[in-house]
Amino acid sequence: MGKLDIDVAEVKKLVELVEKHHLEELTVEHADVSITVKGKATPAGAPAVVHGTAQAQPHVDVHPAVEHETQEPAPIEPNAALEGNIVNIVAPLVGVFYRSAAPDLPALVEVGDVIEVGTELGLIEAMKVFSPIPSEVAGEVVGIPGQNGKLVREGEVLVRVRVTEE
């Protein structure tokens, strides 16, 4: 059986993400390694278990020792119109939200900016893939609840836009 090239610190970070955000499961694949972290409870006092195989695609399971009770936020309909013609632009997937295209560049939009349909509002990184978040409405940015560099869940509000009436 060959040695698995797994960074234990990275696995610990994944376990922390699952625990912090109360995820049921998180899978990350890179090269020939696949890591799955499951947030299901194990018996009290049981240690976390890590498995690995030296097959073509090693598989690692990590089971946190404790499951946390969570209060799920109320789901928000994508682009649901609110009072005053305000529309929420929501995260289409789970990932890390970035307000700029690169760390040394300014934010793509700020509160008060007037935007058009298709204006890029930010990026979501999931499994080292960056997906742009375009606006589906034209109007004025009135709020940016999405925090730069923070993990967001699917359906979480990233930007609020007051739709212009034409």
Protein backbone atom coordinates (compact mmCIF):
# COMPACT_ATOMS: atom_id res chain seq x y z
CA MET A 1 0.00 0.00 0.00
CA GLY A 2 1.50 3.35 -1.11
CA LYS A 3 1.72 6.49 0.99
CA LEU A 4 -1.19 8.92 0.66
CA ASP A 5 -0.14 12.53 0.11
CA ILE A 6 -2.67 14.23 2.39
CA ASP A 7 -2.08 17.43 4.35
CA VAL A 8 -3.64 16.79 7.78
CA ALA A 9 -3.94 20.55 8.41
CA GLU A 10 -6.11 20.88 5.29
CA VAL A 11 -8.33 17.99 6.45
CA LYS A 12 -8.71 19.72 9.83
CA LYS A 13 -9.78 22.91 8.05
CA LEU A 14 -12.45 20.96 6.16
CA VAL A 15 -13.71 19.42 9.41
CA GLU A 16 -13.88 22.91 10.95
CA LEU A 17 -15.87 24.19 7.94
CA VAL A 18 -18.36 21.32 8.26
CA GLU A 19 -18.76 21.91 11.99
CA LYS A 20 -18.91 25.72 11.76
CA HIS A 21 -21.51 25.74 8.98
CA HIS A 22 -23.36 22.62 10.12
CA LEU A 23 -22.98 20.88 6.77
CA GLU A 24 -24.12 17.30 6.32
CA GLU A 25 -21.31 16.50 3.89
CA LEU A 26 -18.47 18.23 2.04
CA THR A 27 -16.39 16.59 -0.71
CA VAL A 28 -13.20 18.05 -2.16
CA GLU A 29 -11.29 16.44 -5.02
CA HIS A 30 -7.81 17.36 -6.19
CA ALA A 31 -5.61 15.34 -8.53
CA ASP A 32 -6.00 11.70 -7.46
CA VAL A 33 -7.25 12.42 -3.91
CA SER A 34 -10.87 12.76 -2.84
CA ILE A 35 -11.74 13.93 0.69
CA THR A 36 -15.26 13.63 2.09
CA VAL A 37 -16.14 15.15 5.46
CA LYS A 38 -19.47 14.04 6.92
CA GLY A 39 -21.19 16.01 9.66
CA LYS A 40 -23.28 13.18 11.05
CA ALA A 41 -22.98 12.49 14.76
CA THR A 42 -20.89 9.65 16.08
CA PRO A 43 -21.47 8.10 19.51
CA ALA A 44 -20.48 10.43 22.36
CA GLY A 45 -16.78 10.30 23.03
CA ALA A 46 -15.97 8.40 19.83
CA PRO A 47 -12.90 9.68 18.01
CA ALA A 48 -13.02 11.07 14.50
CA VAL A 49 -12.16 8.39 11.93
CA VAL A 50 -9.99 8.85 8.84
CA HIS A 51 -9.90 6.13 6.17
CA GLY A 52 -7.68 5.95 3.13
CA THR A 53 -6.90 3.56 0.30
CA ALA A 54 -4.07 3.52 -2.21
CA GLN A 55 -6.29 2.90 -5.21
CA ALA A 56 -6.24 5.07 -8.33
CA GLN A 57 -8.48 7.55 -6.51
CA PRO A 58 -7.90 7.43 -2.74
CA HIS A 59 -10.97 8.24 -0.68
CA VAL A 60 -10.79 9.85 2.75
CA ASP A 61 -13.78 10.00 5.10
CA VAL A 62 -13.67 12.23 8.19
CA HIS A 63 -16.43 11.94 10.77
CA PRO A 64 -16.55 14.79 13.32
CA ALA A 65 -17.17 13.56 16.86
CA VAL A 66 -20.02 16.00 17.57
CA GLU A 67 -23.05 17.10 15.60
CA HIS A 68 -24.30 20.61 16.30
CA GLU A 69 -27.94 21.59 16.35
CA THR A 70 -28.61 24.38 13.88
CA GLN A 71 -31.32 26.82 13.16
CA GLU A 72 -31.56 27.06 9.41
CA PRO A 73 -32.14 30.57 8.11
CA ALA A 74 -35.49 31.08 6.46
CA PRO A 75 -35.10 30.31 2.76
CA ILE A 76 -35.24 33.35 0.50
CA GLU A 77 -36.65 33.05 -2.97
CA PRO A 78 -34.01 33.93 -5.56
CA ASN A 79 -34.54 37.48 -6.77
CA ALA A 80 -37.61 37.83 -4.58
CA ALA A 81 -38.90 41.39 -4.84
CA LEU A 82 -39.10 43.09 -1.45
CA GLU A 83 -40.63 46.34 -0.28
CA GLY A 84 -39.60 49.37 -2.33
CA ASN A 85 -38.73 47.36 -5.46
CA ILE A 86 -35.70 45.81 -3.79
CA VAL A 87 -34.47 42.50 -5.21
CA ASN A 88 -32.15 40.08 -3.43
CA ILE A 89 -29.36 38.59 -5.54
CA VAL A 90 -28.59 35.24 -3.88
CA ALA A 91 -25.76 32.74 -3.97
CA PRO A 92 -26.46 30.08 -6.61
CA LEU A 93 -24.18 27.57 -4.85
CA VAL A 94 -22.15 26.97 -1.69
CA GLY A 95 -18.68 28.52 -1.78
CA VAL A 96 -16.53 31.45 -0.72
CA PHE A 97 -17.87 34.85 -1.86
CA TYR A 98 -15.43 37.44 -3.17
CA ARG A 99 -16.42 41.04 -3.94
CA SER A 100 -13.47 41.65 -6.28
CA ALA A 101 -11.83 39.74 -9.13
CA ALA A 102 -8.45 39.73 -7.33
CA PRO A 103 -7.25 40.65 -3.82
CA ASP A 104 -5.47 43.78 -5.08
CA LEU A 105 -8.45 45.06 -7.12
CA PRO A 106 -11.36 47.18 -5.84
CA ALA A 107 -14.79 45.65 -5.22
CA LEU A 108 -16.82 45.04 -8.37
CA VAL A 109 -19.78 46.99 -6.94
CA GLU A 110 -20.38 49.25 -3.95
CA VAL A 111 -23.54 50.50 -2.27
CA GLY A 112 -24.89 53.37 -4.37
CA ASP A 113 -23.61 52.01 -7.70
CA VAL A 114 -26.10 51.91 -10.58
CA ILE A 115 -25.87 48.57 -12.36
CA GLU A 116 -27.28 46.97 -15.49
CA VAL A 117 -28.51 43.45 -16.16
CA GLY A 118 -25.41 41.24 -16.43
CA THR A 119 -23.15 43.44 -14.27
CA GLU A 120 -20.75 41.18 -12.36
CA LEU A 121 -21.45 41.60 -8.64
CA GLY A 122 -18.86 39.19 -7.25
CA LEU A 123 -17.43 35.69 -7.53
CA ILE A 124 -18.04 32.44 -5.70
CA GLU A 125 -15.17 29.99 -5.37
CA ALA A 126 -16.12 26.34 -5.02
CA MET A 127 -13.46 23.63 -5.35
CA LYS A 128 -10.95 26.12 -6.81
CA VAL A 129 -13.39 27.15 -9.57
CA PHE A 130 -14.47 30.80 -9.62
CA SER A 131 -18.04 31.45 -10.82
CA PRO A 132 -19.13 35.02 -11.59
CA ILE A 133 -22.36 36.30 -10.02
CA PRO A 134 -24.14 38.47 -12.62
CA SER A 135 -27.05 40.76 -11.80
CA GLU A 136 -30.36 39.68 -13.27
CA VAL A 137 -31.85 43.14 -12.72
CA ALA A 138 -30.93 46.77 -13.40
CA GLY A 139 -30.97 49.31 -10.59
CA GLU A 140 -29.08 50.77 -7.65
CA VAL A 141 -27.10 48.64 -5.19
CA VAL A 142 -28.63 49.34 -1.76
CA GLY A 143 -26.93 46.67 0.34
CA ILE A 144 -24.18 44.06 0.23
CA PRO A 145 -24.86 41.53 3.01
CA GLY A 146 -22.39 39.02 1.48
CA GLN A 147 -19.07 39.32 3.31
CA ASN A 148 -15.87 39.22 1.27
CA GLY A 149 -13.89 36.01 1.76
CA LYS A 150 -16.62 34.26 3.76
CA LEU A 151 -18.36 30.97 3.05
CA VAL A 152 -21.92 31.42 1.77
CA ARG A 153 -24.71 28.89 1.39
CA GLU A 154 -26.91 28.43 -1.64
CA GLY A 155 -29.77 30.95 -1.43
CA GLU A 156 -27.96 33.32 0.95
CA VAL A 157 -28.40 37.00 0.03
CA LEU A 158 -25.23 38.52 -1.44
CA VAL A 159 -26.40 41.87 -2.86
CA ARG A 160 -29.62 43.91 -2.62
CA VAL A 161 -30.66 46.02 -5.63
CA ARG A 162 -33.43 48.63 -5.87
CA VAL A 163 -34.89 47.97 -9.31
CA THR A 164 -35.24 51.02 -11.56
CA GLU A 165 -38.70 51.63 -12.94
CA GLU A 166 -38.81 52.24 -16.67
